[in-house]
Amino acid sequence: MSVVCPECDNPLDIDVDDVDAGEVVTCDECGTDLEIVSVDPLEIAPVEEEGYDDEDDDLLADDEDEEDE
């Protein structure tokens, strides 16, 4: 299936049978790392540079709650 890079509009040919949600692919044209958000339908998004992860954020919030007790 073909999608376009959100940074440079380069067409990307991604075989949905070979990727899973959460995997990272790189645009051949601009080098942007793109995360596979969904495979059905195929959706991609740039990987955030700071490495933000909802699960890590939740763990930090839990640790802060324990310190307050």
C-alpha atoms as a PDB file:
ATOM      1  CA  MET A   1       0.000   0.000   0.000  1.00  0.00           C
ATOM      2  CA  SER A   2       1.255   3.457  -0.750  1.00  0.00           C
ATOM      3  CA  VAL A   3       1.162   6.488   1.549  1.00  0.00           C
ATOM      4  CA  VAL A   4       3.090   9.748   1.419  1.00  0.00           C
ATOM      5  CA  CYS A   5       5.664  11.041   3.880  1.00  0.00           C
ATOM      6  CA  PRO A   6       4.053  13.814   5.942  1.00  0.00           C
ATOM      7  CA  GLU A   7       7.330  15.773   5.873  1.00  0.00           C
ATOM      8  CA  CYS A   8       8.305  15.740   2.181  1.00  0.00           C
ATOM      9  CA  ASP A   9       5.319  14.184   0.324  1.00  0.00           C
ATOM     10  CA  ASN A  10       7.536  11.376  -0.998  1.00  0.00           C
ATOM     11  CA  PRO A  11       5.417   8.307  -1.856  1.00  0.00           C
ATOM     12  CA  LEU A  12       6.241   5.391   0.451  1.00  0.00           C
ATOM     13  CA  ASP A  13       5.513   1.821  -0.577  1.00  0.00           C
ATOM     14  CA  ILE A  14       4.823  -0.052   2.676  1.00  0.00           C
ATOM     15  CA  ASP A  15       3.751  -3.707   2.623  1.00  0.00           C
ATOM     16  CA  VAL A  16       1.147  -3.935   5.398  1.00  0.00           C
ATOM     17  CA  ASP A  17       1.786  -7.695   5.618  1.00  0.00           C
ATOM     18  CA  ASP A  18       5.391  -7.004   6.695  1.00  0.00           C
ATOM     19  CA  VAL A  19       4.793  -4.299   9.347  1.00  0.00           C
ATOM     20  CA  ASP A  20       2.953  -4.007  12.647  1.00  0.00           C
ATOM     21  CA  ALA A  21       1.546  -0.996  14.454  1.00  0.00           C
ATOM     22  CA  GLY A  22       4.292   0.651  16.493  1.00  0.00           C
ATOM     23  CA  GLU A  23       7.104  -0.195  14.075  1.00  0.00           C
ATOM     24  CA  VAL A  24       9.292   2.602  12.731  1.00  0.00           C
ATOM     25  CA  VAL A  25      10.166   3.054   9.056  1.00  0.00           C
ATOM     26  CA  THR A  26      12.400   5.713   7.523  1.00  0.00           C
ATOM     27  CA  CYS A  27      11.569   7.891   4.533  1.00  0.00           C
ATOM     28  CA  ASP A  28      14.150   7.261   1.807  1.00  0.00           C
ATOM     29  CA  GLU A  29      13.864  10.850   0.550  1.00  0.00           C
ATOM     30  CA  CYS A  30      14.169  13.007   3.698  1.00  0.00           C
ATOM     31  CA  GLY A  31      15.276  10.498   6.344  1.00  0.00           C
ATOM     32  CA  THR A  32      12.362  11.170   8.698  1.00  0.00           C
ATOM     33  CA  ASP A  33      11.554   8.312  11.078  1.00  0.00           C
ATOM     34  CA  LEU A  34       7.878   7.435  10.772  1.00  0.00           C
ATOM     35  CA  GLU A  35       5.862   5.265  13.128  1.00  0.00           C
ATOM     36  CA  ILE A  36       3.234   2.890  11.795  1.00  0.00           C
ATOM     37  CA  VAL A  37       0.195   4.117  13.745  1.00  0.00           C
ATOM     38  CA  SER A  38      -2.259   1.679  12.168  1.00  0.00           C
ATOM     39  CA  VAL A  39      -2.088  -0.988   9.474  1.00  0.00           C
ATOM     40  CA  ASP A  40      -5.824  -1.116   8.663  1.00  0.00           C
ATOM     41  CA  PRO A  41      -6.150   1.521   7.393  1.00  0.00           C
ATOM     42  CA  LEU A  42      -2.447   2.276   6.967  1.00  0.00           C
ATOM     43  CA  GLU A  43      -1.542   5.416   8.916  1.00  0.00           C
ATOM     44  CA  ILE A  44       1.910   6.832   9.643  1.00  0.00           C
ATOM     45  CA  ALA A  45       3.147   9.710  11.787  1.00  0.00           C
ATOM     46  CA  PRO A  46       6.565  11.254  12.455  1.00  0.00           C
ATOM     47  CA  VAL A  47       8.328   9.852  15.507  1.00  0.00           C
ATOM     48  CA  GLU A  48       8.589  12.537  18.170  1.00  0.00           C
ATOM     49  CA  GLU A  49      12.214  13.485  18.852  1.00  0.00           C
ATOM     50  CA  GLU A  50      11.896  13.636  22.644  1.00  0.00           C
ATOM     51  CA  GLY A  51      10.772   9.991  22.736  1.00  0.00           C
ATOM     52  CA  TYR A  52       7.516  10.757  24.559  1.00  0.00           C
ATOM     53  CA  ASP A  53       5.627   7.620  25.510  1.00  0.00           C
ATOM     54  CA  ASP A  54       2.241   7.603  27.254  1.00  0.00           C
ATOM     55  CA  GLU A  55       3.197   4.525  29.299  1.00  0.00           C
ATOM     56  CA  ASP A  56       6.390   6.143  30.605  1.00  0.00           C
ATOM     57  CA  ASP A  57       4.434   9.276  31.500  1.00  0.00           C
ATOM     58  CA  ASP A  58       1.932   7.209  33.496  1.00  0.00           C
ATOM     59  CA  LEU A  59       4.750   5.486  35.386  1.00  0.00           C
ATOM     60  CA  LEU A  60       6.290   8.833  36.318  1.00  0.00           C
ATOM     61  CA  ALA A  61       2.949  10.099  37.596  1.00  0.00           C
ATOM     62  CA  ASP A  62       2.536   6.952  39.718  1.00  0.00           C
ATOM     63  CA  ASP A  63       6.026   7.413  41.223  1.00  0.00           C
ATOM     64  CA  GLU A  64       5.243  11.007  42.156  1.00  0.00           C
ATOM     65  CA  ASP A  65       2.030   9.913  43.898  1.00  0.00           C
ATOM     66  CA  GLU A  66       3.964   7.395  46.020  1.00  0.00           C
ATOM     67  CA  GLU A  67       6.481  10.046  47.102  1.00  0.00           C
ATOM     68  CA  ASP A  68       3.667  12.300  48.351  1.00  0.00           C
ATOM     69  CA  GLU A  69       2.392   9.654  50.790  1.00  0.00           C
END
